[in-house]
Amino acid sequence: MNLFVLSELQFVKNHVGWLASYDLEQVIANTCNATFIYPESNDKIRFLKRYRHRIFNSWFKTKDLPTLGEGPNILLVVGINYYSLQMMASLGSLVKKFDLRLAYLFDIYEPRYLDRKLVPEFDYLFFPVAEIADQVREVFSVNAGFLPHAVNALDYGSNHPHRCIDVISYGRGNPDLHISLQKHFNQTESERIYFHSTFSRPQVNSYKEHKTLLAKLLGKSKISLCFEASKEERFKGYSPLLTRWLEGFAAGCTIVGRKPFGKNVADLINWENSTIEIPDNPVEWIPFFEALLDDNEMLLANSQRNYRECLLRHDWRYRIRDMFQTVDLPIPAHLEDEIVQLKRKAEGGLTS
């Protein structure tokens, strides 16, 4: 089997919004002997952003097309949004020569915006939101499957017992809770520390730099805040399991916030204290966090449990294997080897 990955990472300039794609593609590179294809943005039509996909064959161009080997030759498009599929047109006639065409799209919440001409070109589309996969299958009459988010827990997972950050919050969160924690924990006289960052204006030199920093911060944190996303406009009422949960699990954090409730999500996080929900009454928030932070035995148990469950269930290696099994492709030997390593790491307990 020859796997070719069509990636948009080369032209998105290391924005943290594409960190999940980076994580997945790194695992593919390490386990599947894949050839990566990086189209360039078509600058000649950049001023027609809103309409160019209707006027031109592609938003993108690919200078050096790969040479296909003896089959099967598999094309996998890894993308974030509705326009990611446009990359495929940059391959020209080579597209038809692949034996199987797949796509994994991270951030699709309105399937109606998918290109009706391009979608039928794929043999299988995968989405991290079960309800979206159902809609795409119904609307476009194509093969579409649910493939949840994951992380590279084998390389970045840890559950160090010594943690100097009491509570960490990053990205989207609860503004009222933020104010409460900031006022209480980050005063000079407090022995606690509440670390927060919105990453709203990220300055990232590389995906790897951001990944290693985030993993380090989480690995030094006792509690990571995570809130289900259905009320945010771009999620259109859906409540999937997002990457931040898995990043926290992999780092051995206790997850506190609001649990997601989307289709199939409950089965993904069905262990004790996978998410501890904050009280409804804001008056109770500080006593709640103080009591939780004082319960070292519970925090340690949560850390070990979350870390282990992530290694056994939520690494990208399992998702890649599930994808290949869904479309009846052989599982690369190195991928199987690293899944064995995940299980051994989970059985090994605390990391050094």
Protein backbone atom coordinates (compact mmCIF):
# COMPACT_ATOMS: atom_id res chain seq x y z
CA MET A 1 0.00 0.00 0.00
CA ASN A 2 1.26 3.47 -0.92
CA LEU A 3 -0.25 6.29 1.14
CA PHE A 4 -0.20 9.88 -0.13
CA VAL A 5 -1.31 12.65 2.24
CA LEU A 6 -2.55 15.91 0.75
CA SER A 7 -1.84 18.50 3.46
CA GLU A 8 -2.58 22.19 3.85
CA LEU A 9 -0.03 22.78 6.62
CA GLN A 10 2.55 24.35 4.33
CA PHE A 11 0.51 27.45 3.57
CA VAL A 12 -1.30 28.13 6.88
CA LYS A 13 1.86 29.57 8.46
CA ASN A 14 2.00 27.66 11.75
CA HIS A 15 -1.28 28.92 13.18
CA VAL A 16 -2.29 27.04 16.34
CA GLY A 17 -5.71 26.34 14.82
CA TRP A 18 -4.05 23.67 12.69
CA LEU A 19 -2.24 21.99 15.57
CA ALA A 20 -4.60 18.99 15.46
CA SER A 21 -3.71 18.44 11.80
CA TYR A 22 -0.03 18.63 12.68
CA ASP A 23 -0.50 16.04 15.43
CA LEU A 24 -2.27 13.61 13.10
CA GLU A 25 0.15 14.10 10.23
CA GLN A 26 3.17 13.57 12.49
CA VAL A 27 1.80 10.20 13.57
CA ILE A 28 1.04 9.24 9.96
CA ALA A 29 4.59 10.23 8.98
CA ASN A 30 6.06 8.12 11.78
CA THR A 31 3.97 5.01 11.23
CA CYS A 32 2.73 4.73 7.64
CA ASN A 33 5.69 5.55 5.38
CA ALA A 34 3.50 8.15 3.68
CA THR A 35 4.36 10.60 0.94
CA PHE A 36 3.19 14.12 1.77
CA ILE A 37 1.93 16.51 -0.87
CA TYR A 38 1.88 20.21 0.01
CA PRO A 39 -0.05 22.41 -2.43
CA GLU A 40 0.60 26.11 -2.48
CA SER A 41 -2.04 28.80 -2.29
CA ASN A 42 -2.89 30.17 -5.72
CA ASP A 43 -1.84 33.79 -5.22
CA LYS A 44 -3.15 34.86 -8.60
CA ILE A 45 -6.72 34.52 -7.34
CA ARG A 46 -6.24 35.45 -3.69
CA PHE A 47 -8.31 38.62 -4.13
CA LEU A 48 -11.33 36.61 -5.19
CA LYS A 49 -11.47 34.59 -1.97
CA ARG A 50 -15.24 34.54 -1.68
CA TYR A 51 -15.98 33.36 -5.22
CA ARG A 52 -12.81 31.78 -6.56
CA HIS A 53 -13.91 28.21 -5.86
CA ARG A 54 -16.84 28.82 -8.20
CA ILE A 55 -14.76 30.40 -10.96
CA PHE A 56 -11.51 28.45 -10.91
CA ASN A 57 -10.78 24.74 -10.71
CA SER A 58 -8.67 25.15 -7.61
CA TRP A 59 -7.63 27.61 -4.95
CA PHE A 60 -4.31 25.78 -4.93
CA LYS A 61 -1.50 24.61 -7.18
CA THR A 62 0.90 21.70 -6.77
CA LYS A 63 4.28 22.11 -8.45
CA ASP A 64 5.79 18.66 -8.04
CA LEU A 65 3.32 15.83 -8.48
CA PRO A 66 4.30 12.50 -6.91
CA THR A 67 4.89 9.31 -8.83
CA LEU A 68 2.49 6.53 -7.92
CA GLY A 69 3.85 3.08 -7.21
CA GLU A 70 2.42 -0.37 -7.65
CA GLY A 71 -1.00 -0.32 -6.01
CA PRO A 72 -2.95 0.16 -4.08
CA ASN A 73 -2.29 3.91 -4.12
CA ILE A 74 -4.30 5.75 -1.48
CA LEU A 75 -4.95 9.49 -1.31
CA LEU A 76 -5.82 10.96 2.09
CA VAL A 77 -6.80 14.63 2.30
CA VAL A 78 -6.28 16.07 5.79
CA GLY A 79 -8.00 19.43 6.20
CA ILE A 80 -9.68 21.83 8.58
CA ASN A 81 -12.59 23.44 6.79
CA TYR A 82 -14.98 23.36 3.84
CA TYR A 83 -12.40 24.57 1.36
CA SER A 84 -9.76 21.97 2.18
CA LEU A 85 -11.20 19.59 -0.39
CA GLN A 86 -10.30 22.15 -3.06
CA MET A 87 -6.69 21.00 -2.71
CA MET A 88 -7.55 17.83 -4.59
CA ALA A 89 -8.12 19.69 -7.86
CA SER A 90 -4.49 20.85 -7.77
CA LEU A 91 -3.46 17.27 -8.56
CA GLY A 92 -5.16 17.40 -11.96
CA SER A 93 -5.61 14.12 -13.78
CA LEU A 94 -3.51 12.29 -11.18
CA VAL A 95 -6.57 12.22 -8.89
CA LYS A 96 -8.27 9.60 -11.03
CA LYS A 97 -5.26 7.29 -10.81
CA PHE A 98 -5.57 6.70 -7.07
CA ASP A 99 -7.24 3.44 -6.12
CA LEU A 100 -8.91 5.01 -3.08
CA ARG A 101 -9.60 8.64 -2.13
CA LEU A 102 -10.23 9.49 1.54
CA ALA A 103 -10.57 12.70 3.55
CA TYR A 104 -10.53 13.63 7.22
CA LEU A 105 -12.02 17.07 7.93
CA PHE A 106 -11.67 18.53 11.43
CA ASP A 107 -13.89 21.59 11.58
CA ILE A 108 -17.11 21.09 9.60
CA TYR A 109 -20.37 22.13 11.29
CA GLU A 110 -22.49 23.09 8.28
CA PRO A 111 -22.23 20.30 5.68
CA ARG A 112 -24.26 22.30 3.16
CA TYR A 113 -21.13 24.34 2.45
CA LEU A 114 -19.21 21.31 1.22
CA ASP A 115 -18.61 21.37 -2.52
CA ARG A 116 -21.24 19.16 -4.16
CA LYS A 117 -18.98 18.49 -7.13
CA LEU A 118 -15.99 17.40 -5.06
CA VAL A 119 -17.63 15.29 -2.36
CA PRO A 120 -18.66 12.46 -4.75
CA GLU A 121 -15.01 12.19 -5.85
CA PHE A 122 -14.19 10.60 -2.49
CA ASP A 123 -14.64 6.98 -1.57
CA TYR A 124 -14.93 7.81 2.13
CA LEU A 125 -15.14 10.96 4.24
CA PHE A 126 -14.39 10.99 7.98
CA PHE A 127 -15.54 13.58 10.54
CA PRO A 128 -14.92 13.99 14.29
CA VAL A 129 -18.59 14.83 14.90
CA ALA A 130 -21.01 11.89 14.63
CA GLU A 131 -24.03 14.02 13.72
CA ILE A 132 -22.11 15.65 10.85
CA ALA A 133 -21.08 12.27 9.45
CA ASP A 134 -24.76 11.25 9.51
CA GLN A 135 -25.81 14.41 7.66
CA VAL A 136 -23.13 14.11 4.99
CA ARG A 137 -24.08 10.50 4.37
CA GLU A 138 -27.74 11.48 4.00
CA VAL A 139 -27.35 14.69 1.99
CA PHE A 140 -24.60 13.60 -0.40
CA SER A 141 -25.28 9.84 -0.54
CA VAL A 142 -21.59 9.09 0.05
CA ASN A 143 -19.71 6.96 2.55
CA ALA A 144 -19.13 9.04 5.67
CA GLY A 145 -17.95 7.90 9.08
CA PHE A 146 -17.38 9.17 12.60
CA LEU A 147 -13.71 9.29 13.59
CA PRO A 148 -13.22 11.16 16.89
CA HIS A 149 -10.47 13.61 17.66
CA ALA A 150 -7.27 12.18 19.15
CA VAL A 151 -3.79 13.18 20.30
CA ASN A 152 -0.24 11.94 19.99
CA ALA A 153 -0.20 10.52 23.49
CA LEU A 154 2.67 8.11 22.84
CA ASP A 155 5.11 10.96 22.20
CA TYR A 156 3.63 13.72 24.37
CA GLY A 157 1.68 11.97 27.13
CA SER A 158 2.85 12.14 30.74
CA ASN A 159 1.49 12.00 34.27
CA HIS A 160 4.26 13.43 36.40
CA PRO A 161 3.27 13.51 40.08
CA HIS A 162 4.84 16.93 40.77
CA ARG A 163 2.64 19.74 39.43
CA CYS A 164 3.26 23.42 40.12
CA ILE A 165 0.26 24.89 38.24
CA ASP A 166 -3.01 24.49 40.12
CA VAL A 167 -5.44 25.39 37.32
CA ILE A 168 -4.75 25.95 33.61
CA SER A 169 -7.10 27.49 31.06
CA TYR A 170 -6.41 28.10 27.38
CA GLY A 171 -8.47 28.98 24.35
CA ARG A 172 -12.24 29.23 24.65
CA GLY A 173 -13.51 29.15 28.23
CA ASN A 174 -15.98 30.51 30.77
CA PRO A 175 -15.39 34.30 31.13
CA ASP A 176 -17.15 34.54 34.51
CA LEU A 177 -15.17 31.66 35.95
CA HIS A 178 -11.97 33.20 34.60
CA ILE A 179 -12.65 36.43 36.49
CA SER A 180 -13.39 34.52 39.68
CA LEU A 181 -10.25 32.37 39.51
CA GLN A 182 -8.04 35.28 38.50
CA LYS A 183 -9.19 37.41 41.44
CA HIS A 184 -8.87 34.61 43.99
CA PHE A 185 -5.81 32.57 42.97
CA ASN A 186 -3.52 35.12 41.34
CA GLN A 187 -3.26 37.58 44.20
CA THR A 188 0.16 37.97 45.81
CA GLU A 189 -0.93 36.39 49.07
CA SER A 190 -2.41 33.27 47.44
CA GLU A 191 -0.35 30.08 47.39
CA ARG A 192 -2.27 28.89 44.32
CA ILE A 193 -1.58 29.75 40.69
CA TYR A 194 -4.13 30.02 37.90
CA PHE A 195 -2.42 30.04 34.50
CA HIS A 196 -4.45 31.25 31.56
CA SER A 197 -3.95 32.08 27.90
CA THR A 198 -6.48 32.60 25.14
CA PHE A 199 -4.00 32.12 22.27
CA SER A 200 -6.15 34.75 20.55
CA ARG A 201 -3.06 36.30 18.96
CA PRO A 202 -0.64 33.38 18.78
CA GLN A 203 3.01 33.91 18.01
CA VAL A 204 4.18 30.46 17.03
CA ASN A 205 7.51 29.73 15.40
CA SER A 206 6.56 26.14 14.67
CA TYR A 207 3.83 23.63 15.36
CA LYS A 208 6.32 21.51 17.28
CA GLU A 209 7.29 24.46 19.47
CA HIS A 210 3.66 25.07 20.40
CA LYS A 211 2.96 21.37 20.90
CA THR A 212 5.89 20.82 23.22
CA LEU A 213 5.12 23.97 25.23
CA LEU A 214 1.44 23.08 25.65
CA ALA A 215 2.29 19.50 26.63
CA LYS A 216 4.78 20.80 29.19
CA LEU A 217 2.31 23.27 30.69
CA LEU A 218 -0.43 20.65 30.92
CA GLY A 219 2.00 18.15 32.38
CA LYS A 220 2.70 20.60 35.21
CA SER A 221 -1.00 21.35 35.82
CA LYS A 222 -3.31 19.70 38.31
CA ILE A 223 -6.57 20.89 36.75
CA SER A 224 -7.36 21.80 33.14
CA LEU A 225 -10.57 23.67 32.36
CA CYS A 226 -12.71 22.31 29.51
CA PHE A 227 -16.22 23.45 28.55
CA GLU A 228 -18.58 21.91 26.02
CA ALA A 229 -18.95 24.13 22.97
CA SER A 230 -22.58 24.03 21.82
CA LYS A 231 -23.29 27.67 22.70
CA GLU A 232 -20.39 28.97 20.63
CA GLU A 233 -21.57 30.26 17.25
CA ARG A 234 -19.23 28.25 15.05
CA PHE A 235 -20.27 24.93 16.64
CA LYS A 236 -23.92 25.42 15.56
CA GLY A 237 -25.35 23.69 18.63
CA TYR A 238 -23.18 20.57 18.34
CA SER A 239 -21.28 19.37 21.40
CA PRO A 240 -18.40 17.11 20.29
CA LEU A 241 -15.46 15.84 22.30
CA LEU A 242 -12.77 18.38 21.44
CA THR A 243 -9.01 18.00 21.44
CA ARG A 244 -8.52 19.97 24.66
CA TRP A 245 -10.04 17.10 26.67
CA LEU A 246 -7.64 14.63 25.11
CA GLU A 247 -4.65 16.93 25.60
CA GLY A 248 -5.55 17.16 29.28
CA PHE A 249 -6.11 13.41 29.61
CA ALA A 250 -2.76 12.65 27.95
CA ALA A 251 -1.00 15.01 30.37
CA GLY A 252 -2.67 13.46 33.43
CA CYS A 253 -4.75 16.52 34.29
CA THR A 254 -8.03 16.45 36.17
CA ILE A 255 -10.59 17.90 33.75
CA VAL A 256 -13.04 20.40 35.26
CA GLY A 257 -15.82 22.28 33.47
CA ARG A 258 -18.82 21.07 31.48
CA LYS A 259 -18.95 17.67 29.79
CA PRO A 260 -19.84 17.51 26.05
CA PHE A 261 -23.11 15.76 25.21
CA GLY A 262 -22.95 15.09 21.46
CA LYS A 263 -23.82 11.79 19.82
CA ASN A 264 -21.45 8.95 20.82
CA VAL A 265 -19.46 11.24 23.12
CA ALA A 266 -20.55 9.52 26.34
CA ASP A 267 -18.96 6.25 25.23
CA LEU A 268 -15.65 8.01 24.57
CA ILE A 269 -15.27 9.34 28.13
CA ASN A 270 -17.20 6.81 30.17
CA TRP A 271 -14.80 6.48 33.10
CA GLU A 272 -14.95 7.96 36.60
CA ASN A 273 -14.24 11.70 36.82
CA SER A 274 -13.45 12.06 33.12
CA THR A 275 -14.95 15.54 33.53
CA ILE A 276 -15.83 17.00 36.93
CA GLU A 277 -18.56 19.61 36.46
CA ILE A 278 -18.41 22.96 38.23
CA PRO A 279 -21.33 24.02 40.46
CA ASP A 280 -24.11 26.02 38.84
CA ASN A 281 -23.92 28.71 41.52
CA PRO A 282 -20.87 31.03 41.05
CA VAL A 283 -20.73 31.57 44.81
CA GLU A 284 -19.67 27.93 45.15
CA TRP A 285 -16.86 28.02 42.58
CA ILE A 286 -13.93 29.01 44.79
CA PRO A 287 -14.80 26.63 47.67
CA PHE A 288 -15.27 23.89 45.04
CA PHE A 289 -11.80 24.43 43.54
CA GLU A 290 -10.15 24.81 46.94
CA ALA A 291 -11.64 21.53 48.13
CA LEU A 292 -10.63 19.74 44.93
CA LEU A 293 -7.07 21.08 45.06
CA ASP A 294 -6.78 19.98 48.68
CA ASP A 295 -7.77 16.42 47.78
CA ASN A 296 -4.39 15.14 46.63
CA GLU A 297 -5.52 11.52 46.69
CA MET A 298 -8.35 12.22 44.24
CA LEU A 299 -6.15 14.34 41.98
CA LEU A 300 -3.55 11.60 41.79
CA ALA A 301 -6.17 8.95 41.03
CA ASN A 302 -7.71 11.14 38.32
CA SER A 303 -4.28 11.80 36.83
CA GLN A 304 -3.35 8.15 36.55
CA ARG A 305 -6.79 7.15 35.26
CA ASN A 306 -7.06 9.88 32.61
CA TYR A 307 -3.52 9.27 31.41
CA ARG A 308 -4.07 5.53 31.12
CA GLU A 309 -7.45 5.82 29.37
CA CYS A 310 -5.99 8.24 26.83
CA LEU A 311 -3.11 5.89 26.05
CA LEU A 312 -5.53 2.98 25.61
CA ARG A 313 -8.25 4.77 23.64
CA HIS A 314 -7.47 8.23 22.30
CA ASP A 315 -4.14 8.21 20.51
CA TRP A 316 -4.13 8.98 16.77
CA ARG A 317 -2.68 5.54 16.11
CA TYR A 318 -6.01 3.96 17.05
CA ARG A 319 -7.89 6.38 14.79
CA ILE A 320 -5.63 5.66 11.83
CA ARG A 321 -6.08 1.94 12.38
CA ASP A 322 -9.87 2.41 12.58
CA MET A 323 -9.82 4.40 9.34
CA PHE A 324 -7.84 1.73 7.51
CA GLN A 325 -10.06 -1.05 8.85
CA THR A 326 -13.19 0.83 7.77
CA VAL A 327 -12.01 0.91 4.13
CA ASP A 328 -10.42 -2.57 4.22
CA LEU A 329 -6.79 -1.45 4.00
CA PRO A 330 -3.89 -3.37 5.55
CA ILE A 331 -2.52 -2.05 8.84
CA PRO A 332 1.16 -1.00 8.52
CA ALA A 333 3.44 -3.05 10.71
CA HIS A 334 5.02 -0.01 12.32
CA LEU A 335 1.58 1.33 13.24
CA GLU A 336 0.77 -1.96 14.97
CA ASP A 337 4.13 -1.83 16.78
CA GLU A 338 3.42 1.63 18.16
CA ILE A 339 -0.06 0.59 19.31
CA VAL A 340 1.67 -2.15 21.30
CA GLN A 341 3.96 0.55 22.76
CA LEU A 342 0.90 2.59 23.78
CA LYS A 343 -0.50 -0.34 25.71
CA ARG A 344 2.82 -1.02 27.39
CA LYS A 345 3.14 2.63 28.37
CA ALA A 346 -0.37 2.53 29.83
CA GLU A 347 0.54 -0.52 31.90
CA GLY A 348 3.77 1.10 33.08
CA GLY A 349 2.12 3.61 35.41
CA LEU A 350 3.87 6.86 36.27
CA THR A 351 6.37 8.35 33.86
CA SER A 352 9.78 9.49 34.94
